[in-house]
Amino acid sequence: MDIATLVGVIVAIAGLVGGFTLDGGSITALLQPTAALIVFGGTIGATLTSSSLKTFLGVGKYLKISLFSKSVDFLDVIDQLVGLATIARREGILALEERIENFPDEFLKGGVRLVVDGVDPELVKSMMETELSYVEQRHEAGAKMFESAGGFAPTMGIIGTVMGLIHVLGNLSSVATLGPQIATAFTATLYGVASANVLWLPIANKLKERNAAEMLLREIMLEGVLSIQAGENPTILGQKLRAFLAPTARTAKGKTGAQNAEAAEA
């Protein structure tokens, strides 16, 4: 599990609620089912309208990706590619065929299979880049969906507040309850702005970070496969692939893919 995501959300909510209660506010005043229905129902509806049904139904998958990061060591992948290059130079490209099924990554497996099958290098590059492009598009769709939710939520909050004020101004007979009713109406704005900045937009950013890490990994694999096909020296290949990473990440073992991606972008 990505502790940063979970802890970040908890700290943000705790900070908001804690600050409100320390100032004398009551937590029960923040619990307004009507406002929640307007804001979250409206946000979900607007997000569904602006996204494809397939993307929207994948919301569970995207939440899982944001909460659970798959640990990937870039240097281990580079070492694996260097090992394959060594085998290819010593025993020939066909010697990789019996090792293809042992590859855990389908992208790498597909690339090596093309090389073993003797496909033209330009076609191998084109096919792998096309697959890479479509993977990136799918990942971006999820991030954009949460970005859309982050844009709609504050607007829905304002709409909920306006609706509440319309109700309040239409019943001015009881001046004593006017203040609490107005405060309740503004809860919708709180829900909209808070959900956008605590949940939807941070999740979108987390998905973008995951996408950046995976794209970097795939680019390293792509370059490695093409270099193996070209028969490059394994030592030179290792140096070339490490150039994708920042100097501080080229020798640091045990980092996750997301951490190495951050170092690479530094």
C-alpha atoms as a PDB file:
ATOM      1  CA  MET A   1       0.000   0.000   0.000  1.00  0.00           C
ATOM      2  CA  ASP A   2       1.132   3.541  -0.729  1.00  0.00           C
ATOM      3  CA  ILE A   3       1.280   4.963   2.801  1.00  0.00           C
ATOM      4  CA  ALA A   4       1.762   8.516   1.492  1.00  0.00           C
ATOM      5  CA  THR A   5      -1.664   8.545  -0.175  1.00  0.00           C
ATOM      6  CA  LEU A   6      -3.517   7.162   2.830  1.00  0.00           C
ATOM      7  CA  VAL A   7      -1.680   9.275   5.402  1.00  0.00           C
ATOM      8  CA  GLY A   8      -2.031  12.378   3.229  1.00  0.00           C
ATOM      9  CA  VAL A   9      -5.814  12.065   3.040  1.00  0.00           C
ATOM     10  CA  ILE A  10      -6.094  11.364   6.774  1.00  0.00           C
ATOM     11  CA  VAL A  11      -3.861  14.296   7.702  1.00  0.00           C
ATOM     12  CA  ALA A  12      -5.768  16.651   5.402  1.00  0.00           C
ATOM     13  CA  ILE A  13      -9.174  15.662   6.794  1.00  0.00           C
ATOM     14  CA  ALA A  14      -7.885  15.695  10.374  1.00  0.00           C
ATOM     15  CA  GLY A  15      -6.406  19.147   9.844  1.00  0.00           C
ATOM     16  CA  LEU A  16      -9.623  20.564   8.442  1.00  0.00           C
ATOM     17  CA  VAL A  17     -11.916  19.014  11.057  1.00  0.00           C
ATOM     18  CA  GLY A  18      -9.457  19.623  13.878  1.00  0.00           C
ATOM     19  CA  GLY A  19      -9.082  23.289  13.018  1.00  0.00           C
ATOM     20  CA  PHE A  20     -12.855  23.672  12.848  1.00  0.00           C
ATOM     21  CA  THR A  21     -13.461  22.041  16.236  1.00  0.00           C
ATOM     22  CA  LEU A  22     -10.594  23.896  17.952  1.00  0.00           C
ATOM     23  CA  ASP A  23     -12.284  27.123  16.934  1.00  0.00           C
ATOM     24  CA  GLY A  24     -15.405  26.018  18.779  1.00  0.00           C
ATOM     25  CA  GLY A  25     -17.239  24.352  15.923  1.00  0.00           C
ATOM     26  CA  SER A  26     -19.254  21.166  16.280  1.00  0.00           C
ATOM     27  CA  ILE A  27     -18.526  18.137  14.093  1.00  0.00           C
ATOM     28  CA  THR A  28     -22.248  17.455  13.821  1.00  0.00           C
ATOM     29  CA  ALA A  29     -22.627  20.818  12.087  1.00  0.00           C
ATOM     30  CA  LEU A  30     -20.504  19.456   9.238  1.00  0.00           C
ATOM     31  CA  LEU A  31     -22.703  16.402   8.746  1.00  0.00           C
ATOM     32  CA  GLN A  32     -25.370  17.481   6.279  1.00  0.00           C
ATOM     33  CA  PRO A  33     -26.761  14.573   4.202  1.00  0.00           C
ATOM     34  CA  THR A  34     -28.667  16.897   1.868  1.00  0.00           C
ATOM     35  CA  ALA A  35     -25.554  18.887   1.015  1.00  0.00           C
ATOM     36  CA  ALA A  36     -23.577  15.668   0.553  1.00  0.00           C
ATOM     37  CA  LEU A  37     -26.216  14.303  -1.821  1.00  0.00           C
ATOM     38  CA  ILE A  38     -26.208  17.461  -3.934  1.00  0.00           C
ATOM     39  CA  VAL A  39     -22.410  17.773  -4.109  1.00  0.00           C
ATOM     40  CA  PHE A  40     -21.352  14.161  -4.488  1.00  0.00           C
ATOM     41  CA  GLY A  41     -24.358  13.141  -6.569  1.00  0.00           C
ATOM     42  CA  GLY A  42     -23.901  16.126  -8.860  1.00  0.00           C
ATOM     43  CA  THR A  43     -20.151  15.544  -9.135  1.00  0.00           C
ATOM     44  CA  ILE A  44     -20.611  11.867 -10.014  1.00  0.00           C
ATOM     45  CA  GLY A  45     -23.257  12.689 -12.604  1.00  0.00           C
ATOM     46  CA  ALA A  46     -21.203  15.439 -14.239  1.00  0.00           C
ATOM     47  CA  THR A  47     -18.078  13.276 -14.269  1.00  0.00           C
ATOM     48  CA  LEU A  48     -19.982  10.400 -15.863  1.00  0.00           C
ATOM     49  CA  THR A  49     -21.332  12.780 -18.502  1.00  0.00           C
ATOM     50  CA  SER A  50     -17.842  13.999 -19.391  1.00  0.00           C
ATOM     51  CA  SER A  51     -16.204  10.539 -19.410  1.00  0.00           C
ATOM     52  CA  SER A  52     -16.787   7.324 -21.287  1.00  0.00           C
ATOM     53  CA  LEU A  53     -18.732   4.639 -19.444  1.00  0.00           C
ATOM     54  CA  LYS A  54     -15.762   2.272 -19.668  1.00  0.00           C
ATOM     55  CA  THR A  55     -13.451   4.804 -18.018  1.00  0.00           C
ATOM     56  CA  PHE A  56     -16.015   5.656 -15.351  1.00  0.00           C
ATOM     57  CA  LEU A  57     -16.622   2.017 -14.446  1.00  0.00           C
ATOM     58  CA  GLY A  58     -12.879   1.617 -13.979  1.00  0.00           C
ATOM     59  CA  VAL A  59     -12.909   4.007 -11.009  1.00  0.00           C
ATOM     60  CA  GLY A  60     -12.245   1.133  -8.606  1.00  0.00           C
ATOM     61  CA  LYS A  61      -9.189   0.090 -10.583  1.00  0.00           C
ATOM     62  CA  TYR A  62      -7.840   3.638 -10.602  1.00  0.00           C
ATOM     63  CA  LEU A  63      -8.365   4.005  -6.854  1.00  0.00           C
ATOM     64  CA  LYS A  64      -6.515   0.743  -6.336  1.00  0.00           C
ATOM     65  CA  ILE A  65      -3.625   2.009  -8.457  1.00  0.00           C
ATOM     66  CA  SER A  66      -3.429   5.221  -6.412  1.00  0.00           C
ATOM     67  CA  LEU A  67      -3.450   3.347  -3.097  1.00  0.00           C
ATOM     68  CA  PHE A  68      -1.345   0.304  -3.921  1.00  0.00           C
ATOM     69  CA  SER A  69       1.956   0.869  -5.686  1.00  0.00           C
ATOM     70  CA  LYS A  70       3.742  -2.033  -7.342  1.00  0.00           C
ATOM     71  CA  SER A  71       7.335  -2.048  -6.195  1.00  0.00           C
ATOM     72  CA  VAL A  72       9.661  -1.901  -9.193  1.00  0.00           C
ATOM     73  CA  ASP A  73      13.423  -1.431  -9.048  1.00  0.00           C
ATOM     74  CA  PHE A  74      14.621   0.223 -12.237  1.00  0.00           C
ATOM     75  CA  LEU A  75      18.146  -0.994 -11.684  1.00  0.00           C
ATOM     76  CA  ASP A  76      16.960  -4.590 -11.430  1.00  0.00           C
ATOM     77  CA  VAL A  77      15.192  -4.221 -14.784  1.00  0.00           C
ATOM     78  CA  ILE A  78      18.334  -2.730 -16.308  1.00  0.00           C
ATOM     79  CA  ASP A  79      20.415  -5.604 -14.901  1.00  0.00           C
ATOM     80  CA  GLN A  80      17.931  -8.063 -16.424  1.00  0.00           C
ATOM     81  CA  LEU A  81      18.249  -6.421 -19.830  1.00  0.00           C
ATOM     82  CA  VAL A  82      22.043  -6.430 -19.568  1.00  0.00           C
ATOM     83  CA  GLY A  83      21.862 -10.137 -18.724  1.00  0.00           C
ATOM     84  CA  LEU A  84      19.745 -10.788 -21.815  1.00  0.00           C
ATOM     85  CA  ALA A  85      22.213  -8.824 -23.940  1.00  0.00           C
ATOM     86  CA  THR A  86      25.047 -10.954 -22.584  1.00  0.00           C
ATOM     87  CA  ILE A  87      23.205 -14.175 -23.450  1.00  0.00           C
ATOM     88  CA  ALA A  88      22.349 -12.869 -26.929  1.00  0.00           C
ATOM     89  CA  ARG A  89      26.012 -12.019 -27.670  1.00  0.00           C
ATOM     90  CA  ARG A  90      27.321 -15.328 -26.378  1.00  0.00           C
ATOM     91  CA  GLU A  91      24.667 -17.724 -27.610  1.00  0.00           C
ATOM     92  CA  GLY A  92      22.768 -15.763 -30.227  1.00  0.00           C
ATOM     93  CA  ILE A  93      19.343 -14.085 -30.256  1.00  0.00           C
ATOM     94  CA  LEU A  94      17.515 -17.420 -30.517  1.00  0.00           C
ATOM     95  CA  ALA A  95      18.879 -18.376 -27.111  1.00  0.00           C
ATOM     96  CA  LEU A  96      16.430 -15.884 -25.592  1.00  0.00           C
ATOM     97  CA  GLU A  97      13.417 -17.839 -26.830  1.00  0.00           C
ATOM     98  CA  GLU A  98      13.424 -20.344 -23.995  1.00  0.00           C
ATOM     99  CA  ARG A  99      13.587 -17.525 -21.451  1.00  0.00           C
ATOM    100  CA  ILE A 100      10.686 -15.449 -22.817  1.00  0.00           C
ATOM    101  CA  GLU A 101       7.983 -17.121 -20.739  1.00  0.00           C
ATOM    102  CA  ASN A 102       9.892 -16.352 -17.551  1.00  0.00           C
ATOM    103  CA  PHE A 103       9.544 -12.605 -18.076  1.00  0.00           C
ATOM    104  CA  PRO A 104       6.984 -11.150 -15.620  1.00  0.00           C
ATOM    105  CA  ASP A 105       6.291  -8.095 -17.775  1.00  0.00           C
ATOM    106  CA  GLU A 106       4.146  -8.569 -20.888  1.00  0.00           C
ATOM    107  CA  PHE A 107       5.577  -5.505 -22.634  1.00  0.00           C
ATOM    108  CA  LEU A 108       9.132  -6.812 -22.315  1.00  0.00           C
ATOM    109  CA  LYS A 109       8.020 -10.327 -23.200  1.00  0.00           C
ATOM    110  CA  GLY A 110       6.349  -9.107 -26.396  1.00  0.00           C
ATOM    111  CA  GLY A 111       9.367  -7.057 -27.439  1.00  0.00           C
ATOM    112  CA  VAL A 112      11.845  -9.895 -26.950  1.00  0.00           C
ATOM    113  CA  ARG A 113       9.521 -12.279 -28.808  1.00  0.00           C
ATOM    114  CA  LEU A 114       9.534  -9.928 -31.822  1.00  0.00           C
ATOM    115  CA  VAL A 115      13.327  -9.837 -31.750  1.00  0.00           C
ATOM    116  CA  VAL A 116      13.576 -13.632 -31.528  1.00  0.00           C
ATOM    117  CA  ASP A 117      11.149 -13.945 -34.451  1.00  0.00           C
ATOM    118  CA  GLY A 118      13.503 -11.838 -36.572  1.00  0.00           C
ATOM    119  CA  VAL A 119      11.172  -8.864 -37.067  1.00  0.00           C
ATOM    120  CA  ASP A 120      12.800  -5.804 -38.661  1.00  0.00           C
ATOM    121  CA  PRO A 121      14.192  -3.410 -35.997  1.00  0.00           C
ATOM    122  CA  GLU A 122      12.159  -0.450 -37.282  1.00  0.00           C
ATOM    123  CA  LEU A 123       8.973  -2.501 -37.116  1.00  0.00           C
ATOM    124  CA  VAL A 124       9.839  -3.701 -33.588  1.00  0.00           C
ATOM    125  CA  LYS A 125      10.330  -0.090 -32.520  1.00  0.00           C
ATOM    126  CA  SER A 126       7.109   1.024 -34.190  1.00  0.00           C
ATOM    127  CA  MET A 127       5.027  -1.758 -32.630  1.00  0.00           C
ATOM    128  CA  MET A 128       6.401  -1.233 -29.142  1.00  0.00           C
ATOM    129  CA  GLU A 129       5.998   2.546 -29.345  1.00  0.00           C
ATOM    130  CA  THR A 130       2.393   2.104 -30.501  1.00  0.00           C
ATOM    131  CA  GLU A 131       1.641  -0.142 -27.529  1.00  0.00           C
ATOM    132  CA  LEU A 132       3.367   2.343 -25.247  1.00  0.00           C
ATOM    133  CA  SER A 133       1.243   5.163 -26.622  1.00  0.00           C
ATOM    134  CA  TYR A 134      -2.036   3.348 -26.035  1.00  0.00           C
ATOM    135  CA  VAL A 135      -1.039   2.345 -22.499  1.00  0.00           C
ATOM    136  CA  GLU A 136      -0.287   5.987 -21.739  1.00  0.00           C
ATOM    137  CA  GLN A 137      -3.642   7.082 -23.174  1.00  0.00           C
ATOM    138  CA  ARG A 138      -5.496   4.606 -20.943  1.00  0.00           C
ATOM    139  CA  HIS A 139      -3.630   5.829 -17.888  1.00  0.00           C
ATOM    140  CA  GLU A 140      -4.258   9.471 -18.739  1.00  0.00           C
ATOM    141  CA  ALA A 141      -7.985   8.795 -19.097  1.00  0.00           C
ATOM    142  CA  GLY A 142      -8.197   7.817 -15.426  1.00  0.00           C
ATOM    143  CA  ALA A 143      -6.265  10.864 -14.257  1.00  0.00           C
ATOM    144  CA  LYS A 144      -8.397  13.167 -16.408  1.00  0.00           C
ATOM    145  CA  MET A 145     -11.582  11.677 -14.946  1.00  0.00           C
ATOM    146  CA  PHE A 146     -10.506  12.564 -11.402  1.00  0.00           C
ATOM    147  CA  GLU A 147      -9.349  15.982 -12.590  1.00  0.00           C
ATOM    148  CA  SER A 148     -12.831  16.516 -14.019  1.00  0.00           C
ATOM    149  CA  ALA A 149     -14.362  15.521 -10.683  1.00  0.00           C
ATOM    150  CA  GLY A 150     -12.040  18.008  -8.983  1.00  0.00           C
ATOM    151  CA  GLY A 151     -13.307  20.727 -11.302  1.00  0.00           C
ATOM    152  CA  PHE A 152     -16.991  19.890 -10.935  1.00  0.00           C
ATOM    153  CA  ALA A 153     -17.056  19.426  -7.139  1.00  0.00           C
ATOM    154  CA  PRO A 154     -16.552  23.100  -6.119  1.00  0.00           C
ATOM    155  CA  THR A 155     -19.160  24.194  -8.657  1.00  0.00           C
ATOM    156  CA  MET A 156     -21.615  21.649  -7.295  1.00  0.00           C
ATOM    157  CA  GLY A 157     -20.873  23.006  -3.838  1.00  0.00           C
ATOM    158  CA  ILE A 158     -21.779  26.506  -4.943  1.00  0.00           C
ATOM    159  CA  ILE A 159     -24.940  25.219  -6.593  1.00  0.00           C
ATOM    160  CA  GLY A 160     -25.861  23.440  -3.361  1.00  0.00           C
ATOM    161  CA  THR A 161     -25.260  26.611  -1.367  1.00  0.00           C
ATOM    162  CA  VAL A 162     -27.397  28.694  -3.734  1.00  0.00           C
ATOM    163  CA  MET A 163     -30.180  26.124  -3.521  1.00  0.00           C
ATOM    164  CA  GLY A 164     -29.957  26.222   0.262  1.00  0.00           C
ATOM    165  CA  LEU A 165     -30.095  30.014   0.319  1.00  0.00           C
ATOM    166  CA  ILE A 166     -33.115  29.984  -1.971  1.00  0.00           C
ATOM    167  CA  HIS A 167     -34.848  27.740   0.554  1.00  0.00           C
ATOM    168  CA  VAL A 168     -33.769  29.969   3.466  1.00  0.00           C
ATOM    169  CA  LEU A 169     -34.873  33.224   1.819  1.00  0.00           C
ATOM    170  CA  GLY A 170     -38.190  31.652   0.937  1.00  0.00           C
ATOM    171  CA  ASN A 171     -38.890  30.999   4.621  1.00  0.00           C
ATOM    172  CA  LEU A 172     -37.967  34.156   6.507  1.00  0.00           C
ATOM    173  CA  SER A 173     -40.815  33.897   8.970  1.00  0.00           C
ATOM    174  CA  SER A 174     -38.523  32.545  11.689  1.00  0.00           C
ATOM    175  CA  VAL A 175     -35.620  34.944  12.144  1.00  0.00           C
ATOM    176  CA  ALA A 176     -34.206  32.872  15.028  1.00  0.00           C
ATOM    177  CA  THR A 177     -33.361  29.964  12.751  1.00  0.00           C
ATOM    178  CA  LEU A 178     -32.022  32.104   9.926  1.00  0.00           C
ATOM    179  CA  GLY A 179     -28.351  31.898  11.014  1.00  0.00           C
ATOM    180  CA  PRO A 180     -28.198  28.094  11.405  1.00  0.00           C
ATOM    181  CA  GLN A 181     -30.004  27.599   8.110  1.00  0.00           C
ATOM    182  CA  ILE A 182     -27.531  29.817   6.248  1.00  0.00           C
ATOM    183  CA  ALA A 183     -24.618  27.978   7.890  1.00  0.00           C
ATOM    184  CA  THR A 184     -26.125  24.681   6.739  1.00  0.00           C
ATOM    185  CA  ALA A 185     -26.432  26.006   3.201  1.00  0.00           C
ATOM    186  CA  PHE A 186     -22.742  26.882   3.099  1.00  0.00           C
ATOM    187  CA  THR A 187     -21.823  23.315   4.100  1.00  0.00           C
ATOM    188  CA  ALA A 188     -22.353  22.348   0.460  1.00  0.00           C
ATOM    189  CA  THR A 189     -19.577  24.729  -0.625  1.00  0.00           C
ATOM    190  CA  LEU A 190     -17.317  23.192   2.014  1.00  0.00           C
ATOM    191  CA  TYR A 191     -18.034  19.685   0.736  1.00  0.00           C
ATOM    192  CA  GLY A 192     -17.320  20.691  -2.847  1.00  0.00           C
ATOM    193  CA  VAL A 193     -14.064  22.556  -2.264  1.00  0.00           C
ATOM    194  CA  ALA A 194     -12.760  20.080   0.333  1.00  0.00           C
ATOM    195  CA  SER A 195     -13.502  16.959  -1.728  1.00  0.00           C
ATOM    196  CA  ALA A 196     -11.846  18.490  -4.791  1.00  0.00           C
ATOM    197  CA  ASN A 197      -8.642  19.441  -2.975  1.00  0.00           C
ATOM    198  CA  VAL A 198      -8.400  16.537  -0.551  1.00  0.00           C
ATOM    199  CA  LEU A 199      -9.581  13.669  -2.749  1.00  0.00           C
ATOM    200  CA  TRP A 200     -10.152  14.147  -6.480  1.00  0.00           C
ATOM    201  CA  LEU A 201      -7.220  16.359  -7.506  1.00  0.00           C
ATOM    202  CA  PRO A 202      -4.620  14.589  -5.309  1.00  0.00           C
ATOM    203  CA  ILE A 203      -5.742  11.207  -6.675  1.00  0.00           C
ATOM    204  CA  ALA A 204      -5.407  12.571 -10.225  1.00  0.00           C
ATOM    205  CA  ASN A 205      -1.875  13.737  -9.450  1.00  0.00           C
ATOM    206  CA  LYS A 206      -1.009  10.373  -7.924  1.00  0.00           C
ATOM    207  CA  LEU A 207      -2.219   8.584 -11.060  1.00  0.00           C
ATOM    208  CA  LYS A 208      -0.065  10.901 -13.180  1.00  0.00           C
ATOM    209  CA  GLU A 209       2.934  10.018 -11.026  1.00  0.00           C
ATOM    210  CA  ARG A 210       2.237   6.306 -11.417  1.00  0.00           C
ATOM    211  CA  ASN A 211       1.905   6.787 -15.172  1.00  0.00           C
ATOM    212  CA  ALA A 212       5.213   8.672 -15.362  1.00  0.00           C
ATOM    213  CA  ALA A 213       6.988   5.873 -13.475  1.00  0.00           C
ATOM    214  CA  GLU A 214       5.550   3.157 -15.711  1.00  0.00           C
ATOM    215  CA  MET A 215       6.278   5.062 -18.910  1.00  0.00           C
ATOM    216  CA  LEU A 216       9.893   5.526 -17.831  1.00  0.00           C
ATOM    217  CA  LEU A 217      10.166   1.814 -17.145  1.00  0.00           C
ATOM    218  CA  ARG A 218       8.679   0.964 -20.554  1.00  0.00           C
ATOM    219  CA  GLU A 219      11.027   3.373 -22.337  1.00  0.00           C
ATOM    220  CA  ILE A 220      13.990   1.669 -20.687  1.00  0.00           C
ATOM    221  CA  MET A 221      12.638  -1.705 -21.794  1.00  0.00           C
ATOM    222  CA  LEU A 222      12.089  -0.454 -25.339  1.00  0.00           C
ATOM    223  CA  GLU A 223      15.613   0.898 -25.616  1.00  0.00           C
ATOM    224  CA  GLY A 224      17.001  -2.278 -24.076  1.00  0.00           C
ATOM    225  CA  VAL A 225      15.184  -4.577 -26.509  1.00  0.00           C
ATOM    226  CA  LEU A 226      16.333  -2.557 -29.532  1.00  0.00           C
ATOM    227  CA  SER A 227      19.898  -2.527 -28.246  1.00  0.00           C
ATOM    228  CA  ILE A 228      19.849  -6.295 -27.696  1.00  0.00           C
ATOM    229  CA  GLN A 229      18.608  -6.760 -31.251  1.00  0.00           C
ATOM    230  CA  ALA A 230      21.424  -4.524 -32.508  1.00  0.00           C
ATOM    231  CA  GLY A 231      23.965  -6.658 -30.653  1.00  0.00           C
ATOM    232  CA  GLU A 232      25.332  -3.845 -28.498  1.00  0.00           C
ATOM    233  CA  ASN A 233      27.973  -4.460 -25.865  1.00  0.00           C
ATOM    234  CA  PRO A 234      26.224  -5.374 -22.554  1.00  0.00           C
ATOM    235  CA  THR A 235      28.429  -3.036 -20.516  1.00  0.00           C
ATOM    236  CA  ILE A 236      27.698  -0.106 -22.819  1.00  0.00           C
ATOM    237  CA  LEU A 237      24.012  -1.033 -22.748  1.00  0.00           C
ATOM    238  CA  GLY A 238      23.957  -0.872 -18.953  1.00  0.00           C
ATOM    239  CA  GLN A 239      25.528   2.579 -19.006  1.00  0.00           C
ATOM    240  CA  LYS A 240      23.112   3.774 -21.678  1.00  0.00           C
ATOM    241  CA  LEU A 241      20.034   2.559 -19.814  1.00  0.00           C
ATOM    242  CA  ARG A 242      21.205   4.080 -16.533  1.00  0.00           C
ATOM    243  CA  ALA A 243      21.351   7.407 -18.349  1.00  0.00           C
ATOM    244  CA  PHE A 244      17.532   7.405 -18.218  1.00  0.00           C
ATOM    245  CA  LEU A 245      17.831   7.898 -14.444  1.00  0.00           C
ATOM    246  CA  ALA A 246      19.187  10.802 -12.459  1.00  0.00           C
ATOM    247  CA  PRO A 247      22.763  10.335 -11.160  1.00  0.00           C
ATOM    248  CA  THR A 248      21.479   9.731  -7.625  1.00  0.00           C
ATOM    249  CA  ALA A 249      19.233   6.898  -8.834  1.00  0.00           C
ATOM    250  CA  ARG A 250      21.819   5.038 -10.897  1.00  0.00           C
ATOM    251  CA  THR A 251      23.380   3.240  -7.948  1.00  0.00           C
ATOM    252  CA  ALA A 252      20.637   3.402  -5.281  1.00  0.00           C
ATOM    253  CA  LYS A 253      19.222  -0.060  -4.765  1.00  0.00           C
ATOM    254  CA  GLY A 254      15.870  -0.890  -3.234  1.00  0.00           C
ATOM    255  CA  LYS A 255      13.863   2.062  -4.487  1.00  0.00           C
ATOM    256  CA  THR A 256      10.387   1.643  -5.842  1.00  0.00           C
ATOM    257  CA  GLY A 257       9.507   2.577  -9.394  1.00  0.00           C
ATOM    258  CA  ALA A 258       7.721   5.743  -8.254  1.00  0.00           C
ATOM    259  CA  GLN A 259      10.738   6.816  -6.190  1.00  0.00           C
ATOM    260  CA  ASN A 260      13.176   6.223  -9.033  1.00  0.00           C
ATOM    261  CA  ALA A 261      10.848   8.111 -11.418  1.00  0.00           C
ATOM    262  CA  GLU A 262      10.912  11.083  -9.061  1.00  0.00           C
ATOM    263  CA  ALA A 263      14.699  10.915  -8.932  1.00  0.00           C
ATOM    264  CA  ALA A 264      14.855  10.694 -12.710  1.00  0.00           C
ATOM    265  CA  GLU A 265      12.781  13.837 -13.053  1.00  0.00           C
ATOM    266  CA  ALA A 266      14.856  15.757 -10.477  1.00  0.00           C
END
